[in-house]
Amino acid sequence: MPESIDLSESFWDNRYQNNETGWDIGGISTPLKAYADQLKNKDQKILIPGAGNAYEAEYLWYNGFKNVTVVDWSKTALNNITNRVPDFPKSQLIHGDFFELHYTFDLILEQTFFCAINPNLRQEYANKMHQLLNANGKLVGLLFNDKLNNDHPPFGGSKPEYINYFKPFFELEIMEACYNSIGSRDGRELFIKFTKK
């Protein structure tokens, strides 16, 4: 994959400003809604990295989860959250680089962030997730199980590749074909639930 590909802050913000957001499904994804609906501890600290319009954060917020933090490079995307959810605390909307975070969380939700970063950063992503999670913390979400693109996001991958990244840092409790993907992603997603080692 070319090193020179532009995945900068301005690249992503321009996509949101120009509504070039083909990945945006306009609401929380079915698998993450099903997972969120069975969570009982509403005090846990939750991170949604590269959250974009952050429908997952909105859904959790309105369902009583008040310790939800969003990080994204796009100011426009963060402003979109504020416009939809005016009482969402500004201190929990972080404009910045996921890899620069220094907080810890009990749960991290993955929704089209992993596929958006340069694939050269995937091992660093797994390591950073481990750093950001508290003891027994969980990384839960969706990864594409599809070849997809080589020169622009979304970047795909496969279960064997992903196992290599995550196994050193996590107990891989679930990594299975997703049974409740949205139509356009049916058969192309893995649902993951990893617990920090």
N, C-alpha and C. Protein backbone atom coordinates (compact mmCIF):
# COMPACT_ATOMS: atom_id res chain seq x y z
N MET A 1 0.83 -1.19 0.00
CA MET A 1 0.00 0.00 0.00
C MET A 1 0.87 1.25 0.00
N PRO A 2 0.57 2.24 -0.82
CA PRO A 2 1.43 3.42 -0.89
C PRO A 2 1.49 4.17 0.44
N GLU A 3 2.70 4.56 0.83
CA GLU A 3 2.87 5.34 2.06
C GLU A 3 2.26 6.73 1.90
N SER A 4 2.18 7.20 0.65
CA SER A 4 1.81 8.60 0.40
C SER A 4 0.30 8.85 0.42
N ILE A 5 -0.48 7.81 0.63
CA ILE A 5 -1.93 8.00 0.65
C ILE A 5 -2.31 9.04 1.71
N ASP A 6 -3.23 9.93 1.34
CA ASP A 6 -3.63 11.01 2.24
C ASP A 6 -4.79 10.56 3.12
N LEU A 7 -4.49 10.32 4.40
CA LEU A 7 -5.54 10.03 5.38
C LEU A 7 -5.43 11.03 6.53
N SER A 8 -5.13 12.27 6.17
CA SER A 8 -4.87 13.33 7.13
C SER A 8 -6.18 13.86 7.72
N GLU A 9 -6.01 14.71 8.70
CA GLU A 9 -7.16 15.39 9.31
C GLU A 9 -7.98 16.12 8.26
N SER A 10 -7.32 16.85 7.36
CA SER A 10 -8.05 17.63 6.35
C SER A 10 -8.75 16.71 5.36
N PHE A 11 -8.15 15.57 5.03
CA PHE A 11 -8.80 14.60 4.15
C PHE A 11 -10.15 14.18 4.73
N TRP A 12 -10.13 13.79 6.01
CA TRP A 12 -11.38 13.31 6.62
C TRP A 12 -12.39 14.43 6.82
N ASP A 13 -11.92 15.61 7.24
CA ASP A 13 -12.86 16.70 7.47
C ASP A 13 -13.53 17.12 6.16
N ASN A 14 -12.76 17.13 5.08
CA ASN A 14 -13.33 17.48 3.78
C ASN A 14 -14.41 16.49 3.37
N ARG A 15 -14.20 15.22 3.70
CA ARG A 15 -15.22 14.20 3.36
C ARG A 15 -16.54 14.52 4.07
N TYR A 16 -16.45 14.90 5.35
CA TYR A 16 -17.68 15.23 6.09
C TYR A 16 -18.28 16.55 5.60
N GLN A 17 -17.46 17.54 5.31
CA GLN A 17 -17.97 18.82 4.82
C GLN A 17 -18.72 18.65 3.50
N ASN A 18 -18.23 17.74 2.67
CA ASN A 18 -18.80 17.54 1.33
C ASN A 18 -19.78 16.37 1.27
N ASN A 19 -20.12 15.83 2.44
CA ASN A 19 -21.03 14.68 2.52
C ASN A 19 -20.57 13.51 1.64
N GLU A 20 -19.25 13.31 1.58
CA GLU A 20 -18.70 12.15 0.86
C GLU A 20 -18.44 11.05 1.88
N THR A 21 -19.53 10.53 2.42
CA THR A 21 -19.45 9.59 3.54
C THR A 21 -20.27 8.34 3.23
N GLY A 22 -19.82 7.62 2.21
CA GLY A 22 -20.55 6.44 1.77
C GLY A 22 -20.67 5.35 2.83
N TRP A 23 -19.78 5.39 3.82
CA TRP A 23 -19.81 4.39 4.89
C TRP A 23 -20.88 4.71 5.94
N ASP A 24 -21.38 5.93 5.92
CA ASP A 24 -22.30 6.40 6.96
C ASP A 24 -23.69 5.82 6.72
N ILE A 25 -24.20 5.03 7.67
CA ILE A 25 -25.49 4.37 7.46
C ILE A 25 -26.64 5.14 8.12
N GLY A 26 -26.34 6.27 8.75
CA GLY A 26 -27.39 7.14 9.26
C GLY A 26 -27.96 6.75 10.61
N GLY A 27 -27.35 5.78 11.26
CA GLY A 27 -27.80 5.35 12.58
C GLY A 27 -26.87 4.29 13.12
N ILE A 28 -27.13 3.83 14.33
CA ILE A 28 -26.30 2.79 14.92
C ILE A 28 -26.47 1.51 14.11
N SER A 29 -25.37 0.77 13.91
CA SER A 29 -25.46 -0.48 13.16
C SER A 29 -26.19 -1.54 13.99
N THR A 30 -26.86 -2.43 13.29
CA THR A 30 -27.67 -3.45 13.96
C THR A 30 -26.85 -4.27 14.97
N PRO A 31 -25.65 -4.75 14.60
CA PRO A 31 -24.89 -5.55 15.57
C PRO A 31 -24.50 -4.78 16.82
N LEU A 32 -24.11 -3.52 16.67
CA LEU A 32 -23.71 -2.76 17.85
C LEU A 32 -24.93 -2.37 18.69
N LYS A 33 -26.07 -2.15 18.06
CA LYS A 33 -27.29 -1.89 18.83
C LYS A 33 -27.64 -3.12 19.67
N ALA A 34 -27.56 -4.31 19.05
CA ALA A 34 -27.88 -5.55 19.78
C ALA A 34 -26.92 -5.74 20.95
N TYR A 35 -25.65 -5.42 20.74
CA TYR A 35 -24.68 -5.54 21.83
C TYR A 35 -24.97 -4.52 22.93
N ALA A 36 -25.20 -3.27 22.53
CA ALA A 36 -25.47 -2.21 23.52
C ALA A 36 -26.72 -2.53 24.34
N ASP A 37 -27.71 -3.11 23.70
CA ASP A 37 -28.98 -3.37 24.38
C ASP A 37 -28.87 -4.39 25.51
N GLN A 38 -27.81 -5.19 25.50
CA GLN A 38 -27.66 -6.17 26.58
C GLN A 38 -26.65 -5.72 27.65
N LEU A 39 -26.08 -4.53 27.49
CA LEU A 39 -25.15 -4.02 28.50
C LEU A 39 -25.92 -3.56 29.73
N LYS A 40 -25.43 -3.96 30.90
CA LYS A 40 -26.14 -3.61 32.13
C LYS A 40 -25.48 -2.48 32.91
N ASN A 41 -24.16 -2.39 32.84
CA ASN A 41 -23.43 -1.38 33.62
C ASN A 41 -23.37 -0.06 32.85
N LYS A 42 -24.24 0.86 33.20
CA LYS A 42 -24.30 2.13 32.47
C LYS A 42 -23.25 3.13 32.95
N ASP A 43 -22.48 2.76 33.97
CA ASP A 43 -21.42 3.64 34.46
C ASP A 43 -20.07 3.38 33.79
N GLN A 44 -19.97 2.31 33.03
CA GLN A 44 -18.67 1.97 32.45
C GLN A 44 -18.20 3.06 31.48
N LYS A 45 -16.89 3.19 31.39
CA LYS A 45 -16.28 4.19 30.50
C LYS A 45 -16.12 3.57 29.12
N ILE A 46 -16.74 4.21 28.13
CA ILE A 46 -16.78 3.68 26.77
C ILE A 46 -16.11 4.66 25.82
N LEU A 47 -15.28 4.13 24.92
CA LEU A 47 -14.64 4.93 23.88
C LEU A 47 -15.14 4.46 22.52
N ILE A 48 -15.43 5.42 21.64
CA ILE A 48 -15.72 5.12 20.24
C ILE A 48 -14.72 5.90 19.40
N PRO A 49 -13.67 5.21 18.90
CA PRO A 49 -12.63 5.91 18.14
C PRO A 49 -12.99 6.05 16.68
N GLY A 50 -12.53 7.15 16.07
CA GLY A 50 -12.82 7.39 14.67
C GLY A 50 -14.31 7.32 14.42
N ALA A 51 -15.07 7.93 15.32
CA ALA A 51 -16.51 7.70 15.40
C ALA A 51 -17.31 8.40 14.31
N GLY A 52 -16.71 9.38 13.62
CA GLY A 52 -17.47 10.09 12.60
C GLY A 52 -18.70 10.74 13.20
N ASN A 53 -19.85 10.49 12.60
CA ASN A 53 -21.09 11.09 13.09
C ASN A 53 -21.60 10.44 14.38
N ALA A 54 -20.97 9.36 14.79
CA ALA A 54 -21.13 8.79 16.15
C ALA A 54 -22.57 8.49 16.54
N TYR A 55 -23.26 7.79 15.67
CA TYR A 55 -24.63 7.38 16.02
C TYR A 55 -24.62 6.41 17.20
N GLU A 56 -23.54 5.66 17.34
CA GLU A 56 -23.42 4.74 18.48
C GLU A 56 -23.37 5.52 19.79
N ALA A 57 -22.60 6.61 19.79
CA ALA A 57 -22.52 7.45 20.99
C ALA A 57 -23.87 8.07 21.31
N GLU A 58 -24.56 8.53 20.28
CA GLU A 58 -25.89 9.12 20.46
C GLU A 58 -26.85 8.09 21.07
N TYR A 59 -26.84 6.89 20.53
CA TYR A 59 -27.74 5.84 21.01
C TYR A 59 -27.45 5.51 22.47
N LEU A 60 -26.17 5.34 22.78
CA LEU A 60 -25.79 5.03 24.16
C LEU A 60 -26.19 6.17 25.10
N TRP A 61 -25.92 7.39 24.70
CA TRP A 61 -26.23 8.56 25.52
C TRP A 61 -27.70 8.61 25.88
N TYR A 62 -28.55 8.42 24.88
CA TYR A 62 -29.99 8.49 25.12
C TYR A 62 -30.52 7.26 25.87
N ASN A 63 -29.66 6.24 26.02
CA ASN A 63 -30.05 5.06 26.78
C ASN A 63 -29.35 5.00 28.13
N GLY A 64 -28.87 6.16 28.60
CA GLY A 64 -28.39 6.27 29.96
C GLY A 64 -26.91 6.05 30.19
N PHE A 65 -26.13 5.87 29.12
CA PHE A 65 -24.69 5.71 29.25
C PHE A 65 -24.06 7.10 29.15
N LYS A 66 -23.60 7.63 30.27
CA LYS A 66 -23.12 9.01 30.29
C LYS A 66 -21.60 9.12 30.23
N ASN A 67 -20.89 7.98 30.32
CA ASN A 67 -19.42 8.00 30.27
C ASN A 67 -18.93 7.54 28.90
N VAL A 68 -19.47 8.13 27.86
CA VAL A 68 -19.10 7.79 26.49
C VAL A 68 -18.20 8.89 25.93
N THR A 69 -17.06 8.49 25.41
CA THR A 69 -16.12 9.43 24.80
C THR A 69 -15.96 9.10 23.32
N VAL A 70 -15.93 10.15 22.52
CA VAL A 70 -15.76 10.03 21.08
C VAL A 70 -14.46 10.72 20.70
N VAL A 71 -13.69 10.11 19.81
CA VAL A 71 -12.50 10.78 19.26
C VAL A 71 -12.58 10.72 17.74
N ASP A 72 -12.32 11.85 17.10
CA ASP A 72 -12.29 11.88 15.64
C ASP A 72 -11.44 13.05 15.19
N TRP A 73 -10.88 12.92 14.01
CA TRP A 73 -10.07 13.98 13.42
C TRP A 73 -10.92 15.06 12.78
N SER A 74 -12.17 14.76 12.51
CA SER A 74 -13.02 15.72 11.78
C SER A 74 -13.82 16.60 12.74
N LYS A 75 -13.52 17.88 12.72
CA LYS A 75 -14.32 18.83 13.51
C LYS A 75 -15.76 18.86 13.03
N THR A 76 -15.94 18.72 11.73
CA THR A 76 -17.29 18.73 11.17
C THR A 76 -18.12 17.59 11.73
N ALA A 77 -17.53 16.39 11.78
CA ALA A 77 -18.25 15.24 12.33
C ALA A 77 -18.60 15.47 13.80
N LEU A 78 -17.66 16.01 14.57
CA LEU A 78 -17.93 16.28 15.98
C LEU A 78 -19.02 17.34 16.15
N ASN A 79 -19.00 18.34 15.27
CA ASN A 79 -20.07 19.35 15.31
C ASN A 79 -21.43 18.74 14.98
N ASN A 80 -21.43 17.75 14.10
CA ASN A 80 -22.68 17.07 13.75
C ASN A 80 -23.27 16.38 14.98
N ILE A 81 -22.41 15.79 15.81
CA ILE A 81 -22.88 15.14 17.04
C ILE A 81 -23.50 16.20 17.96
N THR A 82 -22.78 17.29 18.14
CA THR A 82 -23.26 18.37 19.02
C THR A 82 -24.62 18.90 18.55
N ASN A 83 -24.77 19.01 17.24
CA ASN A 83 -26.05 19.51 16.70
C ASN A 83 -27.19 18.54 16.97
N ARG A 84 -26.90 17.23 16.90
CA ARG A 84 -27.95 16.24 17.13
C ARG A 84 -28.20 16.00 18.61
N VAL A 85 -27.13 16.08 19.41
CA VAL A 85 -27.21 15.77 20.84
C VAL A 85 -26.61 16.94 21.62
N PRO A 86 -27.35 18.05 21.75
CA PRO A 86 -26.79 19.27 22.32
C PRO A 86 -26.25 19.11 23.74
N ASP A 87 -26.78 18.16 24.52
CA ASP A 87 -26.32 18.02 25.90
C ASP A 87 -25.16 17.03 26.04
N PHE A 88 -24.67 16.50 24.92
CA PHE A 88 -23.50 15.62 25.00
C PHE A 88 -22.30 16.47 25.41
N PRO A 89 -21.60 16.09 26.50
CA PRO A 89 -20.53 16.96 27.03
C PRO A 89 -19.40 17.19 26.02
N LYS A 90 -19.06 18.45 25.83
CA LYS A 90 -17.96 18.79 24.90
C LYS A 90 -16.65 18.13 25.33
N SER A 91 -16.47 17.94 26.64
CA SER A 91 -15.23 17.33 27.13
C SER A 91 -15.12 15.86 26.72
N GLN A 92 -16.22 15.26 26.28
CA GLN A 92 -16.22 13.86 25.85
C GLN A 92 -16.22 13.73 24.33
N LEU A 93 -16.04 14.86 23.66
CA LEU A 93 -15.87 14.89 22.21
C LEU A 93 -14.45 15.37 21.93
N ILE A 94 -13.58 14.45 21.62
CA ILE A 94 -12.16 14.78 21.47
C ILE A 94 -11.80 14.93 20.00
N HIS A 95 -11.36 16.14 19.65
CA HIS A 95 -10.86 16.39 18.30
C HIS A 95 -9.38 16.09 18.32
N GLY A 96 -9.00 14.95 17.74
CA GLY A 96 -7.59 14.59 17.78
C GLY A 96 -7.33 13.20 17.22
N ASP A 97 -6.11 12.77 17.45
CA ASP A 97 -5.60 11.52 16.91
C ASP A 97 -5.78 10.40 17.94
N PHE A 98 -6.48 9.38 17.57
CA PHE A 98 -6.67 8.20 18.43
C PHE A 98 -5.35 7.71 19.03
N PHE A 99 -4.31 7.69 18.23
CA PHE A 99 -3.03 7.15 18.68
C PHE A 99 -2.34 8.02 19.72
N GLU A 100 -2.87 9.24 19.93
CA GLU A 100 -2.32 10.14 20.93
C GLU A 100 -3.11 10.13 22.24
N LEU A 101 -4.17 9.34 22.33
CA LEU A 101 -4.99 9.31 23.55
C LEU A 101 -4.21 8.74 24.72
N HIS A 102 -4.51 9.26 25.92
CA HIS A 102 -3.83 8.79 27.14
C HIS A 102 -4.82 8.51 28.27
N TYR A 103 -6.05 8.20 27.93
CA TYR A 103 -7.05 7.85 28.93
C TYR A 103 -7.19 6.33 28.98
N THR A 104 -8.03 5.84 29.90
CA THR A 104 -8.33 4.41 29.90
C THR A 104 -9.84 4.20 29.95
N PHE A 105 -10.26 3.05 29.43
CA PHE A 105 -11.68 2.77 29.26
C PHE A 105 -11.97 1.31 29.62
N ASP A 106 -13.25 1.06 29.87
CA ASP A 106 -13.70 -0.31 30.16
C ASP A 106 -14.12 -1.04 28.89
N LEU A 107 -14.57 -0.26 27.91
CA LEU A 107 -15.10 -0.84 26.67
C LEU A 107 -14.77 0.10 25.53
N ILE A 108 -14.28 -0.47 24.43
CA ILE A 108 -14.06 0.29 23.20
C ILE A 108 -14.89 -0.34 22.10
N LEU A 109 -15.65 0.48 21.40
CA LEU A 109 -16.50 0.01 20.31
C LEU A 109 -15.86 0.34 18.97
N GLU A 110 -15.71 -0.66 18.15
CA GLU A 110 -15.10 -0.53 16.82
C GLU A 110 -16.19 -0.55 15.75
N GLN A 111 -16.29 0.55 15.00
CA GLN A 111 -17.26 0.64 13.91
C GLN A 111 -16.64 1.44 12.78
N THR A 112 -16.11 0.78 11.77
CA THR A 112 -15.48 1.37 10.57
C THR A 112 -14.33 2.33 10.88
N PHE A 113 -13.64 2.13 11.99
CA PHE A 113 -12.41 2.89 12.24
C PHE A 113 -11.20 2.09 11.77
N PHE A 114 -11.13 0.83 12.14
CA PHE A 114 -10.00 -0.03 11.77
C PHE A 114 -9.80 -0.04 10.25
N CYS A 115 -10.89 -0.07 9.49
CA CYS A 115 -10.80 -0.14 8.03
C CYS A 115 -10.43 1.20 7.40
N ALA A 116 -10.44 2.27 8.21
CA ALA A 116 -10.17 3.61 7.69
C ALA A 116 -8.73 4.06 7.89
N ILE A 117 -8.02 3.39 8.81
CA ILE A 117 -6.62 3.78 9.03
C ILE A 117 -5.71 3.09 8.01
N ASN A 118 -4.54 3.64 7.83
CA ASN A 118 -3.55 3.01 6.96
C ASN A 118 -3.27 1.60 7.47
N PRO A 119 -3.38 0.58 6.63
CA PRO A 119 -3.12 -0.79 7.10
C PRO A 119 -1.75 -0.98 7.75
N ASN A 120 -0.81 -0.10 7.44
CA ASN A 120 0.50 -0.18 8.09
C ASN A 120 0.41 0.07 9.60
N LEU A 121 -0.71 0.64 10.05
CA LEU A 121 -0.88 0.97 11.46
C LEU A 121 -1.67 -0.09 12.24
N ARG A 122 -1.98 -1.20 11.61
CA ARG A 122 -2.87 -2.16 12.26
C ARG A 122 -2.26 -2.80 13.51
N GLN A 123 -0.98 -3.11 13.46
CA GLN A 123 -0.36 -3.67 14.66
C GLN A 123 -0.32 -2.63 15.78
N GLU A 124 -0.05 -1.39 15.39
CA GLU A 124 -0.05 -0.30 16.37
C GLU A 124 -1.45 -0.08 16.95
N TYR A 125 -2.48 -0.25 16.11
CA TYR A 125 -3.87 -0.15 16.57
C TYR A 125 -4.13 -1.19 17.67
N ALA A 126 -3.75 -2.44 17.42
CA ALA A 126 -3.98 -3.50 18.41
C ALA A 126 -3.26 -3.19 19.72
N ASN A 127 -2.04 -2.72 19.61
CA ASN A 127 -1.25 -2.37 20.79
C ASN A 127 -1.89 -1.20 21.54
N LYS A 128 -2.34 -0.18 20.79
CA LYS A 128 -2.95 1.00 21.42
C LYS A 128 -4.25 0.63 22.11
N MET A 129 -5.05 -0.23 21.48
CA MET A 129 -6.29 -0.69 22.12
C MET A 129 -5.98 -1.34 23.46
N HIS A 130 -4.96 -2.15 23.49
CA HIS A 130 -4.55 -2.82 24.73
C HIS A 130 -4.17 -1.79 25.79
N GLN A 131 -3.43 -0.77 25.40
CA GLN A 131 -3.01 0.29 26.33
C GLN A 131 -4.20 1.06 26.89
N LEU A 132 -5.19 1.31 26.05
CA LEU A 132 -6.31 2.17 26.43
C LEU A 132 -7.34 1.47 27.31
N LEU A 133 -7.30 0.15 27.35
CA LEU A 133 -8.30 -0.59 28.11
C LEU A 133 -7.84 -0.86 29.53
N ASN A 134 -8.77 -0.74 30.46
CA ASN A 134 -8.53 -1.14 31.85
C ASN A 134 -8.41 -2.65 31.92
N ALA A 135 -7.99 -3.18 33.08
CA ALA A 135 -7.91 -4.62 33.27
C ALA A 135 -9.25 -5.25 32.93
N ASN A 136 -9.22 -6.32 32.17
CA ASN A 136 -10.42 -7.03 31.71
C ASN A 136 -11.31 -6.20 30.79
N GLY A 137 -10.77 -5.10 30.29
CA GLY A 137 -11.54 -4.28 29.35
C GLY A 137 -11.80 -5.02 28.06
N LYS A 138 -12.83 -4.56 27.32
CA LYS A 138 -13.24 -5.25 26.11
C LYS A 138 -13.19 -4.35 24.87
N LEU A 139 -12.76 -4.96 23.78
CA LEU A 139 -12.83 -4.34 22.45
C LEU A 139 -13.91 -5.12 21.68
N VAL A 140 -14.96 -4.42 21.30
CA VAL A 140 -16.11 -5.06 20.67
C VAL A 140 -16.50 -4.29 19.42
N GLY A 141 -16.87 -5.02 18.39
CA GLY A 141 -17.36 -4.33 17.20
C GLY A 141 -17.30 -5.18 15.96
N LEU A 142 -17.03 -4.51 14.84
CA LEU A 142 -17.10 -5.14 13.53
C LEU A 142 -15.83 -4.87 12.74
N LEU A 143 -15.34 -5.90 12.07
CA LEU A 143 -14.22 -5.77 11.14
C LEU A 143 -14.66 -6.34 9.80
N PHE A 144 -14.26 -5.71 8.71
CA PHE A 144 -14.60 -6.25 7.40
C PHE A 144 -13.85 -7.56 7.15
N ASN A 145 -14.57 -8.54 6.64
CA ASN A 145 -13.99 -9.82 6.23
C ASN A 145 -14.10 -9.87 4.71
N ASP A 146 -13.31 -9.01 4.06
CA ASP A 146 -13.47 -8.75 2.64
C ASP A 146 -12.18 -8.10 2.14
N LYS A 147 -11.85 -8.30 0.87
CA LYS A 147 -10.61 -7.72 0.35
C LYS A 147 -10.69 -6.20 0.23
N LEU A 148 -11.81 -5.68 -0.25
CA LEU A 148 -12.03 -4.23 -0.38
C LEU A 148 -10.91 -3.57 -1.17
N ASN A 149 -10.35 -2.45 -0.66
CA ASN A 149 -9.43 -1.61 -1.45
C ASN A 149 -7.99 -1.70 -0.95
N ASN A 150 -7.05 -1.39 -1.88
CA ASN A 150 -5.63 -1.35 -1.53
C ASN A 150 -5.08 0.06 -1.44
N ASP A 151 -5.76 1.02 -2.08
CA ASP A 151 -5.18 2.36 -2.17
C ASP A 151 -6.04 3.45 -1.56
N HIS A 152 -7.20 3.11 -0.99
CA HIS A 152 -8.03 4.10 -0.30
C HIS A 152 -9.00 3.35 0.62
N PRO A 153 -9.44 4.03 1.68
CA PRO A 153 -10.38 3.37 2.60
C PRO A 153 -11.75 3.19 1.94
N PRO A 154 -12.50 2.17 2.38
CA PRO A 154 -12.16 1.22 3.44
C PRO A 154 -11.20 0.13 2.98
N PHE A 155 -10.27 -0.19 3.86
CA PHE A 155 -9.31 -1.26 3.61
C PHE A 155 -9.84 -2.54 4.25
N GLY A 156 -9.78 -3.61 3.50
CA GLY A 156 -10.32 -4.88 3.99
C GLY A 156 -9.28 -5.72 4.70
N GLY A 157 -9.64 -6.98 4.89
CA GLY A 157 -8.76 -7.91 5.55
C GLY A 157 -9.48 -9.22 5.79
N SER A 158 -8.82 -10.09 6.54
CA SER A 158 -9.37 -11.43 6.77
C SER A 158 -9.14 -11.86 8.21
N LYS A 159 -9.90 -12.84 8.62
CA LYS A 159 -9.80 -13.35 9.99
C LYS A 159 -8.38 -13.80 10.34
N PRO A 160 -7.70 -14.59 9.49
CA PRO A 160 -6.33 -15.01 9.86
C PRO A 160 -5.39 -13.82 10.07
N GLU A 161 -5.52 -12.79 9.23
CA GLU A 161 -4.70 -11.59 9.39
C GLU A 161 -4.99 -10.92 10.73
N TYR A 162 -6.26 -10.76 11.05
CA TYR A 162 -6.65 -10.07 12.27
C TYR A 162 -6.18 -10.83 13.51
N ILE A 163 -6.26 -12.14 13.48
CA ILE A 163 -5.82 -12.94 14.63
C ILE A 163 -4.36 -12.63 14.95
N ASN A 164 -3.53 -12.50 13.92
CA ASN A 164 -2.11 -12.20 14.15
C ASN A 164 -1.92 -10.88 14.89
N TYR A 165 -2.74 -9.88 14.58
CA TYR A 165 -2.60 -8.58 15.23
C TYR A 165 -3.04 -8.62 16.69
N PHE A 166 -4.16 -9.28 16.95
CA PHE A 166 -4.81 -9.15 18.25
C PHE A 166 -4.46 -10.22 19.27
N LYS A 167 -4.07 -11.41 18.81
CA LYS A 167 -3.85 -12.51 19.75
C LYS A 167 -2.80 -12.22 20.82
N PRO A 168 -1.73 -11.47 20.50
CA PRO A 168 -0.75 -11.17 21.57
C PRO A 168 -1.31 -10.34 22.72
N PHE A 169 -2.38 -9.59 22.48
CA PHE A 169 -2.87 -8.62 23.45
C PHE A 169 -4.21 -8.98 24.07
N PHE A 170 -4.96 -9.87 23.43
CA PHE A 170 -6.35 -10.12 23.82
C PHE A 170 -6.70 -11.60 23.83
N GLU A 171 -7.66 -11.94 24.69
CA GLU A 171 -8.36 -13.22 24.57
C GLU A 171 -9.45 -13.01 23.52
N LEU A 172 -9.39 -13.77 22.44
CA LEU A 172 -10.32 -13.58 21.34
C LEU A 172 -11.58 -14.40 21.59
N GLU A 173 -12.48 -13.83 22.38
CA GLU A 173 -13.67 -14.57 22.81
C GLU A 173 -14.62 -14.86 21.65
N ILE A 174 -14.85 -13.84 20.81
CA ILE A 174 -15.71 -14.01 19.64
C ILE A 174 -15.03 -13.34 18.45
N MET A 175 -15.00 -14.07 17.34
CA MET A 175 -14.54 -13.52 16.06
C MET A 175 -15.21 -14.36 14.98
N GLU A 176 -16.46 -14.00 14.72
CA GLU A 176 -17.30 -14.84 13.88
C GLU A 176 -18.02 -14.01 12.84
N ALA A 177 -18.41 -14.67 11.77
CA ALA A 177 -19.24 -14.01 10.75
C ALA A 177 -20.46 -13.40 11.44
N CYS A 178 -20.71 -12.15 11.12
CA CYS A 178 -21.79 -11.42 11.77
C CYS A 178 -23.14 -11.88 11.20
N TYR A 179 -24.06 -12.25 12.07
CA TYR A 179 -25.36 -12.78 11.62
C TYR A 179 -26.40 -11.68 11.41
N ASN A 180 -26.12 -10.47 11.88
CA ASN A 180 -27.13 -9.41 11.80
C ASN A 180 -26.58 -8.12 11.18
N SER A 181 -25.68 -8.28 10.21
CA SER A 181 -25.16 -7.11 9.48
C SER A 181 -26.29 -6.43 8.71
N ILE A 182 -26.10 -5.15 8.40
CA ILE A 182 -27.04 -4.48 7.50
C ILE A 182 -26.88 -5.09 6.11
N GLY A 183 -27.88 -4.92 5.26
CA GLY A 183 -27.92 -5.59 3.97
C GLY A 183 -26.67 -5.43 3.12
N SER A 184 -26.17 -4.20 3.01
CA SER A 184 -25.02 -3.96 2.13
C SER A 184 -23.72 -4.57 2.66
N ARG A 185 -23.72 -4.97 3.93
CA ARG A 185 -22.51 -5.56 4.51
C ARG A 185 -22.71 -7.04 4.86
N ASP A 186 -23.84 -7.59 4.49
CA ASP A 186 -24.15 -8.98 4.82
C ASP A 186 -23.09 -9.91 4.22
N GLY A 187 -22.54 -10.79 5.07
CA GLY A 187 -21.52 -11.73 4.62
C GLY A 187 -20.13 -11.14 4.50
N ARG A 188 -19.98 -9.89 4.88
CA ARG A 188 -18.69 -9.20 4.72
C ARG A 188 -18.11 -8.71 6.04
N GLU A 189 -18.74 -9.08 7.16
CA GLU A 189 -18.29 -8.56 8.45
C GLU A 189 -18.04 -9.68 9.45
N LEU A 190 -17.08 -9.43 10.32
CA LEU A 190 -16.84 -10.27 11.49
C LEU A 190 -17.26 -9.49 12.73
N PHE A 191 -18.01 -10.13 13.61
CA PHE A 191 -18.28 -9.53 14.91
C PHE A 191 -17.17 -9.97 15.85
N ILE A 192 -16.58 -9.01 16.56
CA ILE A 192 -15.49 -9.33 17.47
C ILE A 192 -15.83 -8.93 18.90
N LYS A 193 -15.38 -9.76 19.83
CA LYS A 193 -15.43 -9.42 21.25
C LYS A 193 -14.14 -9.96 21.85
N PHE A 194 -13.24 -9.04 22.16
CA PHE A 194 -11.92 -9.38 22.70
C PHE A 194 -11.80 -8.83 24.12
N THR A 195 -11.16 -9.59 24.99
CA THR A 195 -10.90 -9.14 26.36
C THR A 195 -9.41 -8.97 26.56
N LYS A 196 -9.02 -7.85 27.14
CA LYS A 196 -7.61 -7.54 27.36
C LYS A 196 -6.94 -8.61 28.19
N LYS A 197 -5.77 -9.05 27.75
CA LYS A 197 -4.96 -10.01 28.52
C LYS A 197 -4.25 -9.26 29.64
